[in-house]
Amino acid sequence: MDAFIARQPIFDKSMNIYGYELLYRQSGNNYFTGIDDDQATAELIYNAFLVMGLQDLTDGANAFINFSKELIDSDVPFLLPKQNIVVEVLEREKVTPATVDACKRIKAMGYRLALDDFVFNQDNLPLIEMADIIKIEFPAVSRYDQNSLIQRYRTNVKFLAEKIETREEYIQASEMGYDLFQGYFFSKPSIVRSKEVAMLNTNLFSILEELNSPEPSYEIIATIIERDLGLSYKLLKLANSVYIGARSKIKSIPHALSYIGINEMYQWISLMMLKDMQNVENAELIKQSLIRGKLMELLASELYPNGENSEFYFTGIFSSIEVLLNSQIEQVLKGLPLSINVKNALLGKDNEQRRLLNFVLNWEKAHWEKIADQYPMKNEFMKLYLETLKWAKKLNY
């Protein structure tokens, strides 16, 4: 499968490369195809770090990556190497307190922040105070407004003139005090194309299952990855581009895992699954399935403290898998490395996992008469449900 990214250079006043803006592309046609911002950013990160390698894309220069206001309020930005990344905040929607708080977290973690397609208003003031770079669409904003902004904030902020298309515009922008420049006058976005090595989805499921165990094993995860050429390639790309860079090279899967860590591996695997399975039509069903699985896991930890909670988790998240894959459940289960308890529950056979799944399904449908006396933990239920929602938000589904 082919993977595509467009990159457009950003120059400083001496016409040296300051960085590249990385842009989502679905094909070799050099235009944006209009999928939602969250999915575009997820696929861009996936292709940049797991298929192509950031070093190869930018030659060590800064990489500017757009984040929607939804995605910026997640843990995804923190997966990326702060020394090479400029986090761009899209200015398509009104700035909210949640956006301001998310930007504060990003700055506190040492990342640089750019405001994209910036238009000044009072709501943007908190973001200006945190910004490292402000990008202004040069032809679209009045020269008076641009001059006012630059004179007021240039001491603490670099200004980048976007969409410079003529020599006259470049000269004007330079004389006004802009530090950085981007546009067709210098270079159109160029398409970078790479072949994605095929990856077996069952291996993703196996890794996710191990990551959800009480004591995840690097050795087991490494064994799963090593038997999958595509996944091995992606992991080594990820470790070398994000966690090590040019200082040294990682050549073994166990060595790579020791740098990435269990928690961040979970995030990357989730991102891969998001790319593989999610589309506009099924996004809400995927979110509901994840919430269902986590809620079942938390309920099971209270009901069966000595049991295997991951079996309840997987029963929940795969409870709609046949709908997502448009296939018979019996056929789907043949390709999934799930325990016999989980498979029996998904097939509708009576066991602890199936009974708890039925309880959650009836609760979702407000069939109160069917669940009235099933589990004696009504006071704990809403607490666990709210905890589940917070968990799902962190995964950005």
Protein backbone atom coordinates (compact mmCIF):
# COMPACT_ATOMS: atom_id res chain seq x y z
CA MET A 1 0.00 0.00 0.00
CA ASP A 2 1.22 3.49 -0.85
CA ALA A 3 1.47 6.20 1.82
CA PHE A 4 1.57 9.92 0.98
CA ILE A 5 2.60 13.11 2.76
CA ALA A 6 2.97 16.61 1.31
CA ARG A 7 5.65 18.84 2.77
CA GLN A 8 6.07 22.56 2.19
CA PRO A 9 9.32 24.29 3.20
CA ILE A 10 9.45 27.23 5.59
CA PHE A 11 12.35 29.68 5.15
CA ASP A 12 14.02 32.17 7.45
CA LYS A 13 15.19 35.66 6.37
CA SER A 14 18.47 34.26 5.04
CA MET A 15 16.51 31.81 2.86
CA ASN A 16 17.70 28.84 4.90
CA ILE A 17 15.26 25.99 5.57
CA TYR A 18 13.73 26.54 9.01
CA GLY A 19 11.39 23.56 8.76
CA TYR A 20 8.64 21.83 6.79
CA GLU A 21 4.90 21.88 7.27
CA LEU A 22 3.71 18.29 6.91
CA LEU A 23 0.31 17.95 5.26
CA TYR A 24 -2.06 15.00 5.01
CA ARG A 25 -2.60 13.60 1.51
CA GLN A 26 -4.61 10.53 0.56
CA SER A 27 -3.03 10.06 -2.86
CA GLY A 28 -0.48 11.51 -5.26
CA ASN A 29 -2.93 14.30 -6.10
CA ASN A 30 -1.56 17.31 -4.26
CA TYR A 31 -4.72 18.49 -2.50
CA PHE A 32 -6.56 17.88 0.76
CA THR A 33 -9.45 15.43 0.36
CA GLY A 34 -11.63 16.80 3.14
CA ILE A 35 -11.67 14.11 5.84
CA ASP A 36 -12.10 15.39 9.39
CA ASP A 37 -9.13 17.06 11.07
CA ASP A 38 -8.65 14.38 13.74
CA GLN A 39 -8.36 11.55 11.23
CA ALA A 40 -6.12 13.57 8.92
CA THR A 41 -3.68 14.27 11.76
CA ALA A 42 -3.77 10.64 12.94
CA GLU A 43 -2.92 9.37 9.46
CA LEU A 44 -0.26 12.04 8.96
CA ILE A 45 1.49 11.05 12.22
CA TYR A 46 1.15 7.38 11.35
CA ASN A 47 2.75 7.84 7.93
CA ALA A 48 5.43 10.27 9.14
CA PHE A 49 6.68 8.16 12.04
CA LEU A 50 5.72 4.57 11.23
CA VAL A 51 6.11 4.41 7.45
CA MET A 52 8.54 7.07 6.21
CA GLY A 53 10.52 8.24 9.25
CA LEU A 54 10.65 11.86 10.36
CA GLN A 55 14.39 12.25 9.75
CA ASP A 56 13.95 11.25 6.11
CA LEU A 57 11.08 13.72 5.67
CA THR A 58 12.71 16.80 7.21
CA ASP A 59 16.47 16.17 7.16
CA GLY A 60 16.55 17.15 10.81
CA ALA A 61 14.67 20.45 10.36
CA ASN A 62 11.54 21.38 12.31
CA ALA A 63 8.32 19.54 11.47
CA PHE A 64 5.13 21.62 11.72
CA ILE A 65 2.08 19.41 12.38
CA ASN A 66 -1.52 20.66 12.57
CA PHE A 67 -3.67 19.59 15.50
CA SER A 68 -7.39 20.24 15.77
CA LYS A 69 -8.73 21.60 19.04
CA GLU A 70 -10.12 18.14 19.84
CA LEU A 71 -6.88 16.31 19.17
CA ILE A 72 -4.70 18.85 20.93
CA ASP A 73 -6.58 18.10 24.16
CA SER A 74 -5.30 14.50 24.19
CA ASP A 75 -2.05 12.68 24.86
CA VAL A 76 -1.19 12.31 21.16
CA PRO A 77 1.10 15.40 20.97
CA PHE A 78 3.21 13.97 23.80
CA LEU A 79 4.05 10.91 21.70
CA LEU A 80 6.14 13.10 19.39
CA PRO A 81 9.75 14.25 19.89
CA LYS A 82 9.65 17.78 21.32
CA GLN A 83 13.04 18.75 19.86
CA ASN A 84 11.80 18.29 16.27
CA ILE A 85 8.11 19.20 16.44
CA VAL A 86 6.17 22.44 16.25
CA VAL A 87 2.55 21.86 17.32
CA GLU A 88 0.20 23.95 15.17
CA VAL A 89 -3.20 24.90 16.61
CA LEU A 90 -5.85 25.22 13.91
CA GLU A 91 -7.84 28.44 14.22
CA ARG A 92 -11.06 27.25 12.58
CA GLU A 93 -13.12 27.24 15.75
CA LYS A 94 -13.59 29.55 18.74
CA VAL A 95 -10.90 29.25 21.38
CA THR A 96 -12.24 27.52 24.49
CA PRO A 97 -10.85 27.21 28.03
CA ALA A 98 -10.12 23.56 27.23
CA THR A 99 -7.94 24.62 24.30
CA VAL A 100 -6.06 27.10 26.48
CA ASP A 101 -5.49 24.45 29.17
CA ALA A 102 -4.27 21.94 26.57
CA CYS A 103 -1.81 24.47 25.16
CA LYS A 104 -0.52 25.19 28.65
CA ARG A 105 0.19 21.47 29.10
CA ILE A 106 1.98 21.31 25.77
CA LYS A 107 4.15 24.30 26.63
CA ALA A 108 4.88 22.92 30.11
CA MET A 109 6.17 19.72 28.49
CA GLY A 110 8.67 21.72 26.43
CA TYR A 111 6.96 21.73 23.03
CA ARG A 112 6.85 24.74 20.72
CA LEU A 113 3.45 26.13 19.79
CA ALA A 114 2.37 27.79 16.53
CA LEU A 115 -0.98 29.48 15.87
CA ASP A 116 -2.08 28.69 12.31
CA ASP A 117 -4.16 31.00 10.06
CA PHE A 118 -4.16 33.48 12.90
CA VAL A 119 -6.74 36.28 13.13
CA PHE A 120 -6.57 38.54 16.16
CA ASN A 121 -9.47 38.74 18.61
CA GLN A 122 -9.85 38.94 22.38
CA ASP A 123 -10.45 35.17 22.71
CA ASN A 124 -6.99 34.52 21.27
CA LEU A 125 -5.08 36.58 23.84
CA PRO A 126 -4.21 33.64 26.14
CA LEU A 127 -2.82 31.72 23.15
CA ILE A 128 -0.71 34.64 21.96
CA GLU A 129 0.98 34.77 25.35
CA MET A 130 2.04 31.10 24.96
CA ALA A 131 2.83 31.04 21.25
CA ASP A 132 6.32 30.66 19.85
CA ILE A 133 5.22 31.30 16.25
CA ILE A 134 2.19 33.09 14.80
CA LYS A 135 1.29 32.20 11.20
CA ILE A 136 -0.66 34.85 9.28
CA GLU A 137 -2.17 34.39 5.83
CA PHE A 138 -0.41 37.36 4.26
CA PRO A 139 -2.83 38.19 1.38
CA ALA A 140 -5.97 37.79 3.53
CA VAL A 141 -5.25 40.08 6.49
CA SER A 142 -5.01 43.86 6.23
CA ARG A 143 -1.49 45.28 6.28
CA TYR A 144 -2.51 47.57 9.14
CA ASP A 145 -3.60 44.64 11.34
CA GLN A 146 -0.44 42.71 10.50
CA ASN A 147 1.79 45.65 11.35
CA SER A 148 -0.02 46.21 14.64
CA LEU A 149 0.39 42.57 15.68
CA ILE A 150 4.05 42.41 14.74
CA GLN A 151 4.96 45.63 16.50
CA ARG A 152 3.09 44.59 19.63
CA TYR A 153 4.33 40.99 20.01
CA ARG A 154 7.52 40.60 17.97
CA THR A 155 9.74 40.66 21.08
CA ASN A 156 8.51 37.26 22.26
CA VAL A 157 7.06 35.68 19.10
CA LYS A 158 8.30 34.78 15.62
CA PHE A 159 5.90 35.78 12.85
CA LEU A 160 5.47 33.57 9.78
CA ALA A 161 3.96 34.95 6.56
CA GLU A 162 1.87 32.26 4.84
CA LYS A 163 0.75 32.10 1.20
CA ILE A 164 3.46 34.38 -0.16
CA GLU A 165 2.93 34.08 -3.92
CA THR A 166 4.94 36.92 -5.47
CA ARG A 167 8.31 38.60 -5.01
CA GLU A 168 6.50 41.82 -4.11
CA GLU A 169 4.65 40.10 -1.26
CA TYR A 170 7.89 38.59 0.04
CA ILE A 171 9.62 42.01 0.04
CA GLN A 172 6.65 43.61 1.81
CA ALA A 173 6.51 40.86 4.44
CA SER A 174 10.24 41.06 5.05
CA GLU A 175 10.11 44.84 5.48
CA MET A 176 7.17 44.52 7.90
CA GLY A 177 9.29 42.39 10.23
CA TYR A 178 8.29 38.81 9.47
CA ASP A 179 10.84 36.22 10.57
CA LEU A 180 9.67 33.21 8.52
CA PHE A 181 8.12 32.73 5.08
CA GLN A 182 6.04 30.09 3.33
CA GLY A 183 4.15 30.00 0.05
CA TYR A 184 4.06 29.17 -3.64
CA PHE A 185 6.60 31.90 -4.41
CA PHE A 186 9.21 29.70 -2.73
CA SER A 187 7.79 26.23 -3.28
CA LYS A 188 4.49 24.41 -3.62
CA PRO A 189 3.94 21.45 -1.28
CA SER A 190 5.75 18.46 -2.74
CA ILE A 191 4.41 14.93 -2.43
CA VAL A 192 6.53 12.34 -0.65
CA ARG A 193 5.46 8.82 -1.47
CA SER A 194 6.41 5.61 0.26
CA LYS A 195 5.39 1.98 0.26
CA GLU A 196 3.74 0.79 3.46
CA VAL A 197 4.75 -2.74 4.41
CA ALA A 198 1.62 -4.81 5.00
CA MET A 199 0.78 -5.45 8.66
CA LEU A 200 -1.28 -8.30 10.11
CA ASN A 201 -4.11 -6.85 12.19
CA THR A 202 -4.26 -9.97 14.36
CA ASN A 203 -0.84 -9.05 15.68
CA LEU A 204 -2.15 -5.64 16.78
CA PHE A 205 -4.90 -7.42 18.69
CA SER A 206 -2.36 -9.76 20.28
CA ILE A 207 -0.19 -6.85 21.42
CA LEU A 208 -3.21 -4.97 22.76
CA GLU A 209 -4.26 -8.06 24.70
CA GLU A 210 -0.81 -8.32 26.28
CA LEU A 211 -0.72 -4.59 27.05
CA ASN A 212 -4.00 -4.98 28.92
CA SER A 213 -2.72 -7.83 31.08
CA PRO A 214 -1.86 -7.08 34.74
CA GLU A 215 1.89 -7.37 34.06
CA PRO A 216 2.60 -6.84 30.34
CA SER A 217 5.67 -8.68 29.10
CA TYR A 218 8.22 -7.01 26.80
CA GLU A 219 9.35 -10.48 25.77
CA ILE A 220 5.89 -11.56 24.62
CA ILE A 221 5.28 -8.27 22.78
CA ALA A 222 8.70 -8.47 21.11
CA THR A 223 7.94 -12.03 19.94
CA ILE A 224 4.65 -10.91 18.36
CA ILE A 225 6.31 -7.99 16.59
CA GLU A 226 9.29 -9.99 15.37
CA ARG A 227 7.06 -12.39 13.46
CA ASP A 228 5.44 -9.51 11.53
CA LEU A 229 7.74 -7.83 9.01
CA GLY A 230 5.57 -4.74 8.56
CA LEU A 231 5.09 -4.13 12.25
CA SER A 232 8.81 -4.70 12.95
CA TYR A 233 9.68 -2.12 10.31
CA LYS A 234 7.25 0.42 11.77
CA LEU A 235 8.46 -0.08 15.33
CA LEU A 236 12.11 0.40 14.40
CA LYS A 237 11.19 3.49 12.36
CA LEU A 238 9.27 4.82 15.34
CA ALA A 239 12.04 4.17 17.86
CA ASN A 240 14.76 5.62 15.67
CA SER A 241 12.83 8.74 14.61
CA VAL A 242 11.01 9.62 17.85
CA TYR A 243 13.02 8.24 20.74
CA ILE A 244 16.62 8.10 19.54
CA GLY A 245 16.95 10.18 16.39
CA ALA A 246 20.39 10.59 14.93
CA ARG A 247 22.37 9.86 18.11
CA SER A 248 22.43 6.10 17.59
CA LYS A 249 20.45 3.40 15.84
CA ILE A 250 18.24 0.73 17.37
CA LYS A 251 18.56 -2.60 15.62
CA SER A 252 16.52 -5.01 17.75
CA ILE A 253 12.84 -5.11 18.75
CA PRO A 254 13.47 -5.64 22.52
CA HIS A 255 15.86 -2.67 22.50
CA ALA A 256 13.22 -0.54 20.77
CA LEU A 257 10.53 -1.52 23.28
CA SER A 258 12.77 -0.57 26.19
CA TYR A 259 12.87 3.01 24.84
CA ILE A 260 9.19 3.31 23.95
CA GLY A 261 7.68 1.87 27.14
CA ILE A 262 4.38 0.14 27.86
CA ASN A 263 2.13 3.21 28.20
CA GLU A 264 3.26 4.89 24.99
CA MET A 265 3.19 1.57 23.12
CA TYR A 266 -0.49 1.34 24.06
CA GLN A 267 -1.06 4.80 22.53
CA TRP A 268 0.73 3.91 19.29
CA ILE A 269 -1.14 0.61 18.92
CA SER A 270 -4.43 2.45 19.50
CA LEU A 271 -3.45 4.98 16.84
CA MET A 272 -2.75 2.16 14.37
CA MET A 273 -6.12 0.59 15.10
CA LEU A 274 -7.83 3.97 14.69
CA LYS A 275 -6.29 4.33 11.24
CA ASP A 276 -7.17 0.80 10.18
CA MET A 277 -10.77 0.65 11.36
CA GLN A 278 -12.27 4.11 11.75
CA ASN A 279 -14.19 6.07 9.17
CA VAL A 280 -16.82 8.79 9.36
CA GLU A 281 -19.69 6.31 9.46
CA ASN A 282 -18.42 4.01 12.22
CA ALA A 283 -16.55 6.44 14.50
CA GLU A 284 -19.32 6.58 17.12
CA LEU A 285 -19.70 2.79 17.18
CA ILE A 286 -15.96 2.35 17.77
CA LYS A 287 -16.12 4.85 20.62
CA GLN A 288 -19.13 3.08 22.13
CA SER A 289 -17.38 -0.31 21.90
CA LEU A 290 -14.28 1.00 23.65
CA ILE A 291 -16.36 2.57 26.42
CA ARG A 292 -18.28 -0.70 26.78
CA GLY A 293 -15.07 -2.71 27.08
CA LYS A 294 -13.43 -0.46 29.66
CA LEU A 295 -16.62 -0.26 31.70
CA MET A 296 -16.85 -4.07 31.73
CA GLU A 297 -13.23 -4.30 32.84
CA LEU A 298 -13.81 -1.91 35.75
CA LEU A 299 -17.05 -3.63 36.76
CA ALA A 300 -15.33 -7.02 36.65
CA SER A 301 -12.53 -5.79 38.90
CA GLU A 302 -15.20 -5.10 41.55
CA LEU A 303 -17.28 -8.22 40.95
CA TYR A 304 -14.51 -10.73 40.36
CA PRO A 305 -11.37 -9.33 42.05
CA ASN A 306 -9.44 -12.54 41.46
CA GLY A 307 -10.56 -13.01 37.86
CA GLU A 308 -8.99 -12.18 34.49
CA ASN A 309 -10.32 -8.67 33.85
CA SER A 310 -8.85 -8.39 30.36
CA GLU A 311 -11.34 -11.03 29.16
CA PHE A 312 -14.19 -8.69 30.09
CA TYR A 313 -12.40 -5.79 28.40
CA PHE A 314 -12.07 -7.67 25.11
CA THR A 315 -15.62 -8.98 25.26
CA GLY A 316 -16.78 -5.37 25.41
CA ILE A 317 -14.56 -3.79 22.77
CA PHE A 318 -15.28 -6.57 20.26
CA SER A 319 -19.00 -6.72 21.02
CA SER A 320 -19.78 -4.97 17.70
CA ILE A 321 -16.82 -6.26 15.68
CA GLU A 322 -19.00 -8.11 13.17
CA VAL A 323 -20.79 -4.83 12.36
CA LEU A 324 -17.52 -2.92 12.01
CA LEU A 325 -16.07 -5.53 9.67
CA ASN A 326 -19.39 -6.34 7.96
CA SER A 327 -18.88 -10.06 8.47
CA GLN A 328 -20.34 -12.99 10.39
CA ILE A 329 -19.12 -13.16 13.99
CA GLU A 330 -18.05 -16.79 13.55
CA GLN A 331 -15.80 -15.82 10.65
CA VAL A 332 -14.36 -12.80 12.45
CA LEU A 333 -13.47 -14.79 15.57
CA LYS A 334 -11.41 -17.28 13.55
CA GLY A 335 -8.83 -14.55 12.96
CA LEU A 336 -8.70 -13.10 16.48
CA PRO A 337 -6.33 -14.42 19.17
CA LEU A 338 -8.93 -14.28 21.93
CA SER A 339 -9.51 -16.65 24.85
CA ILE A 340 -12.26 -19.27 24.69
CA ASN A 341 -14.24 -17.33 27.32
CA VAL A 342 -14.26 -14.19 25.19
CA LYS A 343 -15.14 -16.09 22.00
CA ASN A 344 -18.01 -17.93 23.73
CA ALA A 345 -19.35 -14.64 25.12
CA LEU A 346 -19.26 -12.99 21.69
CA LEU A 347 -21.02 -16.02 20.22
CA GLY A 348 -23.83 -15.54 22.76
CA LYS A 349 -23.00 -18.48 24.99
CA ASP A 350 -23.74 -18.10 28.68
CA ASN A 351 -20.72 -17.33 30.89
CA GLU A 352 -19.59 -14.55 33.26
CA GLN A 353 -18.37 -12.38 30.37
CA ARG A 354 -21.63 -12.74 28.43
CA ARG A 355 -23.79 -11.99 31.48
CA LEU A 356 -21.88 -8.80 32.21
CA LEU A 357 -22.03 -7.80 28.53
CA ASN A 358 -25.81 -8.30 28.56
CA PHE A 359 -26.01 -6.16 31.69
CA VAL A 360 -24.12 -3.28 30.03
CA LEU A 361 -26.11 -3.61 26.79
CA ASN A 362 -29.41 -3.47 28.71
CA TRP A 363 -28.15 -0.46 30.67
CA GLU A 364 -27.26 1.33 27.38
CA LYS A 365 -30.79 0.68 26.11
CA ALA A 366 -32.41 1.72 29.42
CA HIS A 367 -34.00 -1.70 29.91
CA TRP A 368 -34.08 -1.19 33.67
CA GLU A 369 -36.48 -4.06 34.35
CA LYS A 370 -33.92 -6.54 33.00
CA ILE A 371 -31.05 -5.39 35.23
CA ALA A 372 -32.79 -4.30 38.42
CA ASP A 373 -31.38 -7.05 40.66
CA GLN A 374 -28.46 -8.37 38.62
CA TYR A 375 -25.46 -6.78 40.34
CA PRO A 376 -25.48 -5.24 43.86
CA MET A 377 -23.21 -2.26 43.08
CA LYS A 378 -25.50 0.55 41.94
CA ASN A 379 -23.66 3.17 43.98
CA GLU A 380 -20.36 2.35 42.28
CA PHE A 381 -21.70 2.12 38.73
CA MET A 382 -21.80 5.81 37.79
CA LYS A 383 -18.40 6.40 39.36
CA LEU A 384 -16.91 3.65 37.18
CA TYR A 385 -18.79 4.94 34.12
CA LEU A 386 -17.33 8.44 34.54
CA GLU A 387 -13.88 6.92 34.95
CA THR A 388 -14.46 5.05 31.70
CA LEU A 389 -15.38 8.24 29.83
CA LYS A 390 -12.17 9.94 31.01
CA TRP A 391 -10.17 6.92 29.80
CA ALA A 392 -11.82 6.99 26.37
CA LYS A 393 -11.12 10.71 26.00
CA LYS A 394 -7.40 10.14 26.58
CA LEU A 395 -7.39 7.61 23.74
CA ASN A 396 -8.94 10.28 21.49
CA TYR A 397 -11.68 8.10 19.97
